[in-house]
Amino acid sequence: MINATNIHLNYGDLKVLKGIDIEIKKGEFISIVGESGAGKTTLLNILGSLEKPSRGSVKINGNEITELSEKELSNFRNQNIGFVFQFHNLLEEFTAIENVCLPGFVSKKNKNEIKNRATDLLKKLNIYERKDHKPSQLSGGEKQRVAVARALINNPLVVLADEPTGNLDSENSENLHKLLLKLNTELKQTIVVVTHNDELANITQRKIEIKDGIIKRQHLINNS
């Protein structure tokens, strides 16, 4: 479903990515690991169309996203890619359910359908009772659950998560691990996660290790 070929990214003379090839199949749960500065987040941003490579091809569901205009790219991203970041990035002036609905409203889908889907997602993620609370009234774990619901609102092809447990304590981290695993196993959601958390990386199906801008190794994980 995602094919990235010969991905390079340079910032002037600094070579961040040096020829990455990666293929992600529909329904896979993949982790990208490596030391800080290895290029993990940069690769995730390129896969998510937030950044364009200096050279290379990125195809998502057959669409060559590097050739899309900024407007086309924005629409494609909204419709097909869900994001979960280390810091939840919820808008403080909106309630939990309003934050979840926002990407759906941007896509100009039927508002009642979006509200109904947001309600269903918040229920599935066990956060519905907090739907009318603003981010300042939510715990760290609750904020991340709302952020996951927001990422899922447009039924994306893939969810990209960048250090989603990096700002959580151990209990909330474990809860989020279980949630991501449930989304993958029960809903068959394709998920790619960048993480320093070994416990999270080890519940994924495949671990890709990046070092100095190249893939050092990748291997399947037996979670049976």
Protein backbone atom coordinates (compact mmCIF):
# COMPACT_ATOMS: atom_id res chain seq x y z
CA MET A 1 0.00 0.00 0.00
CA ILE A 2 2.96 2.32 0.69
CA ASN A 3 6.05 2.13 -1.48
CA ALA A 4 8.94 4.50 -0.85
CA THR A 5 11.91 4.08 -3.16
CA ASN A 6 15.40 5.59 -3.00
CA ILE A 7 14.38 8.31 -0.55
CA HIS A 8 17.00 10.99 0.00
CA LEU A 9 16.67 14.15 2.01
CA ASN A 10 19.33 16.83 2.24
CA TYR A 11 19.38 20.04 4.23
CA GLY A 12 22.10 21.87 2.37
CA ASP A 13 25.25 19.78 2.81
CA LEU A 14 23.65 17.70 5.57
CA LYS A 15 22.44 14.33 4.29
CA VAL A 16 19.62 13.15 6.56
CA LEU A 17 18.25 10.23 4.52
CA LYS A 18 20.58 8.40 2.16
CA GLY A 19 18.52 6.11 -0.03
CA ILE A 20 15.67 4.52 1.92
CA ASP A 21 13.54 1.77 0.38
CA ILE A 22 10.48 0.71 2.35
CA GLU A 23 7.27 -1.16 1.53
CA ILE A 24 4.28 -1.29 3.86
CA LYS A 25 1.37 -3.61 3.20
CA LYS A 26 -2.25 -2.96 4.06
CA GLY A 27 -3.01 -4.03 7.62
CA GLU A 28 0.60 -4.07 8.80
CA PHE A 29 1.71 -2.68 12.16
CA ILE A 30 5.29 -1.47 11.78
CA SER A 31 7.74 0.26 14.09
CA ILE A 32 10.66 2.44 13.03
CA VAL A 33 13.41 2.59 15.64
CA GLY A 34 16.89 4.05 16.01
CA GLU A 35 18.86 6.62 17.93
CA SER A 36 17.94 10.28 18.02
CA GLY A 37 19.02 11.99 14.82
CA ALA A 38 18.95 8.77 12.79
CA GLY A 39 16.22 10.10 10.48
CA LYS A 40 13.15 8.28 11.86
CA THR A 41 10.80 11.24 12.18
CA THR A 42 12.03 12.70 8.90
CA LEU A 43 11.14 9.44 7.14
CA LEU A 44 7.72 9.38 8.82
CA ASN A 45 7.08 12.97 7.72
CA ILE A 46 7.94 12.05 4.14
CA LEU A 47 5.66 8.99 4.23
CA GLY A 48 2.93 11.27 5.57
CA SER A 49 3.48 13.93 2.89
CA LEU A 50 4.42 16.54 5.50
CA GLU A 51 7.82 16.86 3.88
CA LYS A 52 9.06 16.24 0.33
CA PRO A 53 12.19 14.21 -0.31
CA SER A 54 15.12 15.70 -2.15
CA ARG A 55 15.03 12.66 -4.37
CA GLY A 56 12.95 9.48 -4.61
CA SER A 57 9.41 8.19 -5.01
CA VAL A 58 6.59 7.80 -2.49
CA LYS A 59 3.45 5.97 -3.59
CA ILE A 60 0.43 5.51 -1.36
CA ASN A 61 -2.29 3.27 -2.70
CA GLY A 62 -0.87 3.82 -6.19
CA ASN A 63 -0.73 7.62 -5.91
CA GLU A 64 2.67 9.25 -6.44
CA ILE A 65 2.39 11.85 -3.72
CA THR A 66 5.65 13.63 -4.56
CA GLU A 67 4.05 14.83 -7.79
CA LEU A 68 0.92 16.34 -6.22
CA SER A 69 0.42 20.08 -5.89
CA GLU A 70 0.20 21.56 -2.39
CA LYS A 71 -3.60 21.72 -2.60
CA GLU A 72 -3.86 18.16 -3.93
CA LEU A 73 -1.44 17.01 -1.26
CA SER A 74 -3.44 18.66 1.51
CA ASN A 75 -6.65 17.00 0.33
CA PHE A 76 -4.95 13.62 -0.07
CA ARG A 77 -3.42 13.86 3.40
CA ASN A 78 -6.72 14.78 5.00
CA GLN A 79 -8.56 11.89 3.33
CA ASN A 80 -5.96 9.14 3.63
CA ILE A 81 -3.51 9.72 6.47
CA GLY A 82 -4.11 9.97 10.21
CA PHE A 83 -1.45 11.43 12.50
CA VAL A 84 -0.73 10.89 16.19
CA PHE A 85 2.11 12.96 17.66
CA GLN A 86 4.03 12.87 20.93
CA PHE A 87 2.28 16.05 21.98
CA HIS A 88 -1.40 15.56 21.25
CA ASN A 89 -1.76 18.87 19.33
CA LEU A 90 -5.39 19.24 20.37
CA LEU A 91 -6.90 22.71 20.05
CA GLU A 92 -7.47 24.07 23.54
CA GLU A 93 -10.56 26.09 22.66
CA PHE A 94 -12.49 23.03 21.46
CA THR A 95 -13.96 20.10 23.35
CA ALA A 96 -12.75 16.54 22.86
CA ILE A 97 -15.48 15.63 20.39
CA GLU A 98 -15.03 18.89 18.50
CA ASN A 99 -11.30 18.17 18.14
CA VAL A 100 -12.10 14.71 16.80
CA CYS A 101 -14.58 16.11 14.27
CA LEU A 102 -12.31 18.83 12.85
CA PRO A 103 -10.54 16.77 10.12
CA GLY A 104 -13.93 15.46 9.04
CA PHE A 105 -15.36 18.95 8.76
CA VAL A 106 -12.31 20.04 6.75
CA SER A 107 -13.02 17.20 4.31
CA LYS A 108 -16.51 18.67 3.84
CA LYS A 109 -18.24 15.40 4.63
CA ASN A 110 -21.77 15.33 6.04
CA LYS A 111 -21.58 16.92 9.48
CA ASN A 112 -24.07 14.55 11.09
CA GLU A 113 -22.15 11.55 9.76
CA ILE A 114 -18.91 12.98 11.13
CA LYS A 115 -20.46 13.62 14.54
CA ASN A 116 -21.86 10.08 14.63
CA ARG A 117 -18.48 8.58 13.69
CA ALA A 118 -16.74 10.73 16.32
CA THR A 119 -19.19 9.46 18.92
CA ASP A 120 -18.56 5.85 17.89
CA LEU A 121 -14.79 6.30 18.00
CA LEU A 122 -14.82 7.94 21.41
CA LYS A 123 -16.93 5.06 22.70
CA LYS A 124 -14.60 2.46 21.20
CA LEU A 125 -11.62 4.22 22.77
CA ASN A 126 -13.35 4.44 26.18
CA ILE A 127 -13.23 8.22 26.34
CA TYR A 128 -16.82 9.12 25.41
CA GLU A 129 -17.73 10.27 28.91
CA ARG A 130 -15.13 13.03 28.52
CA LYS A 131 -16.41 14.21 25.13
CA ASP A 132 -17.47 17.66 26.33
CA HIS A 133 -14.25 18.37 28.21
CA LYS A 134 -11.56 20.63 26.81
CA PRO A 135 -7.92 19.45 26.63
CA SER A 136 -6.98 21.33 29.81
CA GLN A 137 -9.52 19.15 31.65
CA LEU A 138 -8.12 15.85 30.34
CA SER A 139 -5.23 13.71 31.56
CA GLY A 140 -2.29 12.94 29.30
CA GLY A 141 -3.63 9.50 28.49
CA GLU A 142 -7.09 10.88 27.75
CA LYS A 143 -5.65 13.51 25.42
CA GLN A 144 -3.81 10.84 23.44
CA ARG A 145 -6.98 8.76 23.11
CA VAL A 146 -8.76 11.80 21.73
CA ALA A 147 -5.82 12.33 19.36
CA VAL A 148 -6.11 8.72 18.16
CA ALA A 149 -9.84 9.18 17.56
CA ARG A 150 -9.09 12.33 15.57
CA ALA A 151 -6.54 10.41 13.48
CA LEU A 152 -9.20 7.81 12.66
CA ILE A 153 -12.13 10.14 11.90
CA ASN A 154 -11.72 10.05 8.10
CA ASN A 155 -11.13 6.29 8.03
CA PRO A 156 -7.54 6.73 6.79
CA LEU A 157 -5.51 4.24 4.80
CA VAL A 158 -2.71 4.54 7.36
CA VAL A 159 -2.11 5.98 10.81
CA LEU A 160 1.35 7.45 11.37
CA ALA A 161 2.41 7.88 14.99
CA ASP A 162 5.52 9.78 16.08
CA GLU A 163 6.62 8.86 19.62
CA PRO A 164 2.96 8.57 20.73
CA THR A 165 3.93 7.43 24.24
CA GLY A 166 6.86 9.82 24.64
CA ASN A 167 4.93 12.16 26.91
CA LEU A 168 3.05 9.52 28.91
CA ASP A 169 3.76 7.70 32.16
CA SER A 170 4.22 3.92 32.15
CA GLU A 171 0.57 3.07 32.86
CA ASN A 172 -0.81 5.32 30.14
CA SER A 173 1.91 4.13 27.75
CA GLU A 174 0.85 0.54 28.29
CA ASN A 175 -2.80 1.48 27.74
CA LEU A 176 -1.93 3.19 24.46
CA HIS A 177 0.10 0.15 23.36
CA LYS A 178 -2.96 -2.04 23.91
CA LEU A 179 -5.14 0.46 22.05
CA LEU A 180 -2.89 0.57 18.98
CA LEU A 181 -2.65 -3.21 18.95
CA LYS A 182 -6.43 -3.47 19.17
CA LEU A 183 -6.89 -1.05 16.27
CA ASN A 184 -4.55 -3.18 14.18
CA THR A 185 -5.85 -6.62 15.10
CA GLU A 186 -9.57 -5.88 15.27
CA LEU A 187 -10.00 -3.05 12.76
CA LYS A 188 -7.08 -4.09 10.50
CA GLN A 189 -5.80 -0.53 10.63
CA THR A 190 -2.41 -0.01 9.00
CA ILE A 191 -0.11 1.66 11.53
CA VAL A 192 3.45 2.95 11.29
CA VAL A 193 4.99 4.15 14.54
CA VAL A 194 8.29 5.85 15.30
CA THR A 195 9.34 5.05 18.84
CA HIS A 196 12.16 4.78 21.36
CA ASN A 197 9.91 2.55 23.48
CA ASP A 198 11.04 -1.08 23.18
CA GLU A 199 7.78 -2.40 24.58
CA LEU A 200 5.80 -0.60 21.88
CA ALA A 201 8.21 -1.64 19.11
CA ASN A 202 8.01 -5.26 20.20
CA ILE A 203 4.23 -5.53 19.84
CA THR A 204 4.43 -4.52 16.19
CA GLN A 205 4.72 -7.04 13.39
CA ARG A 206 7.91 -5.68 11.86
CA LYS A 207 10.69 -3.54 13.26
CA ILE A 208 12.79 -1.31 10.98
CA GLU A 209 16.00 0.09 12.44
CA ILE A 210 17.46 3.26 10.95
CA LYS A 211 21.01 4.43 11.55
CA ASP A 212 22.73 7.41 9.96
CA GLY A 213 19.98 7.87 7.38
CA ILE A 214 19.87 4.32 6.07
CA ILE A 215 18.00 1.16 7.03
CA LYS A 216 20.46 -0.84 9.11
CA ARG A 217 18.21 -3.87 9.46
CA GLN A 218 14.60 -4.95 9.65
CA HIS A 219 13.03 -8.08 11.00
CA LEU A 220 9.70 -9.69 11.67
CA ILE A 221 8.52 -9.99 15.25
CA ASN A 222 6.77 -13.16 16.37
CA ASN A 223 3.98 -12.06 18.71
CA SER A 224 2.08 -15.33 18.66
